Amino acid sequence: MFTRRMVGVGGIAGAVVALCRGAAWAEATRQFPVAFSDAEWRKRLTPEQYDVLRRSGTERPFSSALNDEHRRGVFACAGCQAQLFSSAAKFDSGTGWPSFWEPLAGSVGVEDDRTLGMTRSAVHCSRCGGHLGHVFNDGPKPTGLRYCMNGAAMRFEPVAA
């Protein structure tokens, strides 16, 4: 179960922030096994990682080296190192972001994201709550899903051949 708590903002202002920040607000309102203060997250992450993982930002398409990563291994959360996706589930979606048809069991959570005037399914790390990207139902078999992830939110752990 999760608890709701608005960090540093309350009342009407809190509601406006919640509506404007979408998934970032959801991250701030839940308790996850790995949790740090905002100041500690800023110390641990690069500015781009912080923007994506903690503020639900999106990196520019085709800007991540992980988009072209084709070795065997695991893609892990850049915030807490939790393993998220196997390279065996990675595919080239042509969108400019690393894409997967399936996460590792129990590694991610999904919730509605109503920012930008539309409803999408935001994906977050189940261990630290960091925003990873979005999932769409236009992916390949066997799941038909496309987990469109920000490379800045992940790191790659190769396995020996």
C-alpha atoms as a PDB file:
ATOM      1  CA  MET A   1       0.000   0.000   0.000  1.00  0.00           C
ATOM      2  CA  PHE A   2       1.145   3.549  -0.528  1.00  0.00           C
ATOM      3  CA  THR A   3       0.673   6.710   1.438  1.00  0.00           C
ATOM      4  CA  ARG A   4      -0.017  10.124  -0.042  1.00  0.00           C
ATOM      5  CA  ARG A   5       2.179  12.969   1.052  1.00  0.00           C
ATOM      6  CA  MET A   6       2.828  16.187  -0.826  1.00  0.00           C
ATOM      7  CA  VAL A   7       6.423  17.289  -0.314  1.00  0.00           C
ATOM      8  CA  GLY A   8       6.686  21.003   0.465  1.00  0.00           C
ATOM      9  CA  VAL A   9       3.422  22.055  -1.233  1.00  0.00           C
ATOM     10  CA  GLY A  10      -0.098  22.006   0.125  1.00  0.00           C
ATOM     11  CA  GLY A  11      -3.677  23.117  -0.495  1.00  0.00           C
ATOM     12  CA  ILE A  12      -4.610  24.582  -3.881  1.00  0.00           C
ATOM     13  CA  ALA A  13      -0.952  25.054  -4.812  1.00  0.00           C
ATOM     14  CA  GLY A  14      -0.372  21.366  -4.182  1.00  0.00           C
ATOM     15  CA  ALA A  15      -3.269  20.406  -6.416  1.00  0.00           C
ATOM     16  CA  VAL A  16      -1.947  22.608  -9.233  1.00  0.00           C
ATOM     17  CA  VAL A  17       1.528  21.122  -8.904  1.00  0.00           C
ATOM     18  CA  ALA A  18      -0.006  17.643  -8.931  1.00  0.00           C
ATOM     19  CA  LEU A  19      -1.912  18.331 -12.138  1.00  0.00           C
ATOM     20  CA  CYS A  20       1.081  19.907 -13.851  1.00  0.00           C
ATOM     21  CA  ARG A  21       3.678  17.325 -12.859  1.00  0.00           C
ATOM     22  CA  GLY A  22       1.650  14.161 -13.518  1.00  0.00           C
ATOM     23  CA  ALA A  23       3.776  11.103 -12.780  1.00  0.00           C
ATOM     24  CA  ALA A  24       6.360  13.163 -10.871  1.00  0.00           C
ATOM     25  CA  TRP A  25       3.675  14.007  -8.310  1.00  0.00           C
ATOM     26  CA  ALA A  26       2.737  10.330  -8.038  1.00  0.00           C
ATOM     27  CA  GLU A  27       6.361   9.512  -7.251  1.00  0.00           C
ATOM     28  CA  ALA A  28       6.394  12.147  -4.506  1.00  0.00           C
ATOM     29  CA  THR A  29       3.245  10.727  -2.941  1.00  0.00           C
ATOM     30  CA  ARG A  30       4.303   7.103  -2.568  1.00  0.00           C
ATOM     31  CA  GLN A  31       6.736   5.328  -0.359  1.00  0.00           C
ATOM     32  CA  PHE A  32       9.172   2.984  -2.114  1.00  0.00           C
ATOM     33  CA  PRO A  33      11.799   0.632  -0.659  1.00  0.00           C
ATOM     34  CA  VAL A  34      14.574   3.011  -1.820  1.00  0.00           C
ATOM     35  CA  ALA A  35      13.897   6.627  -0.881  1.00  0.00           C
ATOM     36  CA  PHE A  36      16.092   9.701  -0.525  1.00  0.00           C
ATOM     37  CA  SER A  37      15.466  13.381   0.053  1.00  0.00           C
ATOM     38  CA  ASP A  38      15.291  15.604  -2.994  1.00  0.00           C
ATOM     39  CA  ALA A  39      18.717  17.017  -2.111  1.00  0.00           C
ATOM     40  CA  GLU A  40      20.196  13.505  -1.915  1.00  0.00           C
ATOM     41  CA  TRP A  41      18.675  12.521  -5.291  1.00  0.00           C
ATOM     42  CA  ARG A  42      20.255  15.646  -6.802  1.00  0.00           C
ATOM     43  CA  LYS A  43      23.659  14.589  -5.424  1.00  0.00           C
ATOM     44  CA  ARG A  44      23.342  10.999  -6.668  1.00  0.00           C
ATOM     45  CA  LEU A  45      22.090  11.731 -10.193  1.00  0.00           C
ATOM     46  CA  THR A  46      23.279  13.782 -13.136  1.00  0.00           C
ATOM     47  CA  PRO A  47      21.036  16.744 -13.991  1.00  0.00           C
ATOM     48  CA  GLU A  48      19.508  14.790 -16.918  1.00  0.00           C
ATOM     49  CA  GLN A  49      18.933  11.677 -14.787  1.00  0.00           C
ATOM     50  CA  TYR A  50      17.334  13.816 -12.076  1.00  0.00           C
ATOM     51  CA  ASP A  51      15.023  15.516 -14.589  1.00  0.00           C
ATOM     52  CA  VAL A  52      13.860  12.190 -16.031  1.00  0.00           C
ATOM     53  CA  LEU A  53      13.742  10.008 -12.917  1.00  0.00           C
ATOM     54  CA  ARG A  54      12.520  12.502 -10.325  1.00  0.00           C
ATOM     55  CA  ARG A  55      10.629  15.126 -12.423  1.00  0.00           C
ATOM     56  CA  SER A  56       9.183  12.897 -15.179  1.00  0.00           C
ATOM     57  CA  GLY A  57      11.215  14.581 -17.887  1.00  0.00           C
ATOM     58  CA  THR A  58      11.897  13.123 -21.320  1.00  0.00           C
ATOM     59  CA  GLU A  59      15.257  13.021 -23.059  1.00  0.00           C
ATOM     60  CA  ARG A  60      15.573  14.022 -26.710  1.00  0.00           C
ATOM     61  CA  PRO A  61      14.958  11.119 -29.124  1.00  0.00           C
ATOM     62  CA  PHE A  62      18.092   9.389 -30.447  1.00  0.00           C
ATOM     63  CA  SER A  63      20.223  11.058 -27.732  1.00  0.00           C
ATOM     64  CA  SER A  64      20.904   7.978 -25.577  1.00  0.00           C
ATOM     65  CA  ALA A  65      23.716   5.526 -26.252  1.00  0.00           C
ATOM     66  CA  LEU A  66      21.421   2.840 -24.792  1.00  0.00           C
ATOM     67  CA  ASN A  67      19.208   3.157 -27.870  1.00  0.00           C
ATOM     68  CA  ASP A  68      22.017   1.456 -29.832  1.00  0.00           C
ATOM     69  CA  GLU A  69      23.032  -1.018 -27.093  1.00  0.00           C
ATOM     70  CA  HIS A  70      22.797  -4.549 -28.528  1.00  0.00           C
ATOM     71  CA  ARG A  71      24.962  -6.635 -26.196  1.00  0.00           C
ATOM     72  CA  ARG A  72      23.541  -9.301 -23.900  1.00  0.00           C
ATOM     73  CA  GLY A  73      22.786  -7.994 -20.450  1.00  0.00           C
ATOM     74  CA  VAL A  74      20.339  -6.177 -18.227  1.00  0.00           C
ATOM     75  CA  PHE A  75      19.106  -2.602 -18.221  1.00  0.00           C
ATOM     76  CA  ALA A  76      18.957  -1.304 -14.631  1.00  0.00           C
ATOM     77  CA  CYS A  77      17.530   1.789 -12.953  1.00  0.00           C
ATOM     78  CA  ALA A  78      20.064   4.637 -12.874  1.00  0.00           C
ATOM     79  CA  GLY A  79      18.600   5.733  -9.541  1.00  0.00           C
ATOM     80  CA  CYS A  80      18.716   2.544  -7.483  1.00  0.00           C
ATOM     81  CA  GLN A  81      20.342  -0.092  -9.742  1.00  0.00           C
ATOM     82  CA  ALA A  82      17.263  -2.346  -9.702  1.00  0.00           C
ATOM     83  CA  GLN A  83      17.239  -4.627 -12.736  1.00  0.00           C
ATOM     84  CA  LEU A  84      14.404  -3.606 -15.083  1.00  0.00           C
ATOM     85  CA  PHE A  85      14.675  -5.146 -18.565  1.00  0.00           C
ATOM     86  CA  SER A  86      16.568  -8.002 -20.187  1.00  0.00           C
ATOM     87  CA  SER A  87      18.358  -7.273 -23.448  1.00  0.00           C
ATOM     88  CA  ALA A  88      16.431 -10.280 -24.830  1.00  0.00           C
ATOM     89  CA  ALA A  89      13.236  -8.171 -24.677  1.00  0.00           C
ATOM     90  CA  LYS A  90      14.771  -5.129 -26.402  1.00  0.00           C
ATOM     91  CA  PHE A  91      13.777  -4.205 -29.941  1.00  0.00           C
ATOM     92  CA  ASP A  92      14.296  -1.308 -32.345  1.00  0.00           C
ATOM     93  CA  SER A  93      11.027   0.622 -32.356  1.00  0.00           C
ATOM     94  CA  GLY A  94      12.394   3.403 -34.561  1.00  0.00           C
ATOM     95  CA  THR A  95      11.156   5.982 -32.028  1.00  0.00           C
ATOM     96  CA  GLY A  96      14.584   7.090 -30.789  1.00  0.00           C
ATOM     97  CA  TRP A  97      14.256   5.654 -27.295  1.00  0.00           C
ATOM     98  CA  PRO A  98      15.284   2.225 -25.959  1.00  0.00           C
ATOM     99  CA  SER A  99      12.215  -0.002 -26.311  1.00  0.00           C
ATOM    100  CA  PHE A 100      11.285  -3.334 -24.758  1.00  0.00           C
ATOM    101  CA  TRP A 101       8.332  -5.664 -25.149  1.00  0.00           C
ATOM    102  CA  GLU A 102       8.430  -6.849 -21.514  1.00  0.00           C
ATOM    103  CA  PRO A 103      10.001  -5.808 -18.180  1.00  0.00           C
ATOM    104  CA  LEU A 104      11.525  -8.223 -15.703  1.00  0.00           C
ATOM    105  CA  ALA A 105       8.901  -9.601 -13.307  1.00  0.00           C
ATOM    106  CA  GLY A 106       7.938  -7.119 -10.583  1.00  0.00           C
ATOM    107  CA  SER A 107      10.492  -4.512 -11.702  1.00  0.00           C
ATOM    108  CA  VAL A 108       8.172  -1.727 -12.831  1.00  0.00           C
ATOM    109  CA  GLY A 109       4.862  -0.155 -11.977  1.00  0.00           C
ATOM    110  CA  VAL A 110       2.423   1.566 -14.337  1.00  0.00           C
ATOM    111  CA  GLU A 111       0.001   4.397 -13.653  1.00  0.00           C
ATOM    112  CA  ASP A 112      -2.086   6.872 -15.626  1.00  0.00           C
ATOM    113  CA  ASP A 113      -0.292  10.009 -16.795  1.00  0.00           C
ATOM    114  CA  ARG A 114      -2.736  12.739 -17.843  1.00  0.00           C
ATOM    115  CA  THR A 115      -0.168  15.396 -18.736  1.00  0.00           C
ATOM    116  CA  LEU A 116       0.007  16.984 -22.201  1.00  0.00           C
ATOM    117  CA  GLY A 117      -3.768  16.761 -22.621  1.00  0.00           C
ATOM    118  CA  MET A 118      -3.864  13.004 -23.125  1.00  0.00           C
ATOM    119  CA  THR A 119      -3.897   9.828 -21.069  1.00  0.00           C
ATOM    120  CA  ARG A 120      -0.801   7.644 -21.281  1.00  0.00           C
ATOM    121  CA  SER A 121       0.580   4.882 -19.102  1.00  0.00           C
ATOM    122  CA  ALA A 122       3.670   6.089 -17.227  1.00  0.00           C
ATOM    123  CA  VAL A 123       6.207   3.476 -16.133  1.00  0.00           C
ATOM    124  CA  HIS A 124       8.208   3.792 -12.913  1.00  0.00           C
ATOM    125  CA  CYS A 125      10.825   1.707 -11.104  1.00  0.00           C
ATOM    126  CA  SER A 126       9.075  -0.379  -8.468  1.00  0.00           C
ATOM    127  CA  ARG A 127      12.047  -0.025  -6.116  1.00  0.00           C
ATOM    128  CA  CYS A 128      12.649   3.765  -6.070  1.00  0.00           C
ATOM    129  CA  GLY A 129       9.654   5.170  -7.964  1.00  0.00           C
ATOM    130  CA  GLY A 130      11.838   6.816 -10.599  1.00  0.00           C
ATOM    131  CA  HIS A 131      10.050   7.726 -13.848  1.00  0.00           C
ATOM    132  CA  LEU A 132      11.330   5.546 -16.705  1.00  0.00           C
ATOM    133  CA  GLY A 133       9.064   6.375 -19.643  1.00  0.00           C
ATOM    134  CA  HIS A 134       5.728   5.148 -20.993  1.00  0.00           C
ATOM    135  CA  VAL A 135       4.193   1.910 -22.240  1.00  0.00           C
ATOM    136  CA  PHE A 136       2.070   1.696 -25.389  1.00  0.00           C
ATOM    137  CA  ASN A 137       0.066  -1.134 -26.953  1.00  0.00           C
ATOM    138  CA  ASP A 138       1.771  -0.971 -30.362  1.00  0.00           C
ATOM    139  CA  GLY A 139       4.704  -3.293 -29.688  1.00  0.00           C
ATOM    140  CA  PRO A 140       5.751  -6.641 -31.144  1.00  0.00           C
ATOM    141  CA  LYS A 141       4.642 -10.134 -30.165  1.00  0.00           C
ATOM    142  CA  PRO A 142       4.460 -11.868 -27.805  1.00  0.00           C
ATOM    143  CA  THR A 143       3.081  -9.052 -25.580  1.00  0.00           C
ATOM    144  CA  GLY A 144       2.108  -6.397 -28.129  1.00  0.00           C
ATOM    145  CA  LEU A 145       3.546  -3.798 -25.752  1.00  0.00           C
ATOM    146  CA  ARG A 146       6.220  -1.155 -26.312  1.00  0.00           C
ATOM    147  CA  TYR A 147       7.935   0.001 -23.147  1.00  0.00           C
ATOM    148  CA  CYS A 148       9.438   3.233 -24.476  1.00  0.00           C
ATOM    149  CA  MET A 149      12.103   4.105 -21.895  1.00  0.00           C
ATOM    150  CA  ASN A 150      14.412   7.050 -21.368  1.00  0.00           C
ATOM    151  CA  GLY A 151      18.030   5.953 -21.628  1.00  0.00           C
ATOM    152  CA  ALA A 152      18.947   8.549 -18.987  1.00  0.00           C
ATOM    153  CA  ALA A 153      16.806   6.615 -16.501  1.00  0.00           C
ATOM    154  CA  MET A 154      18.806   3.418 -16.976  1.00  0.00           C
ATOM    155  CA  ARG A 155      22.289   1.984 -17.118  1.00  0.00           C
ATOM    156  CA  PHE A 156      23.399  -1.165 -18.901  1.00  0.00           C
ATOM    157  CA  GLU A 157      24.983  -4.167 -17.178  1.00  0.00           C
ATOM    158  CA  PRO A 158      26.573  -6.494 -19.779  1.00  0.00           C
ATOM    159  CA  VAL A 159      26.880 -10.213 -19.114  1.00  0.00           C
ATOM    160  CA  ALA A 160      29.853 -12.332 -20.137  1.00  0.00           C
ATOM    161  CA  ALA A 161      29.375 -14.032 -23.489  1.00  0.00           C
END
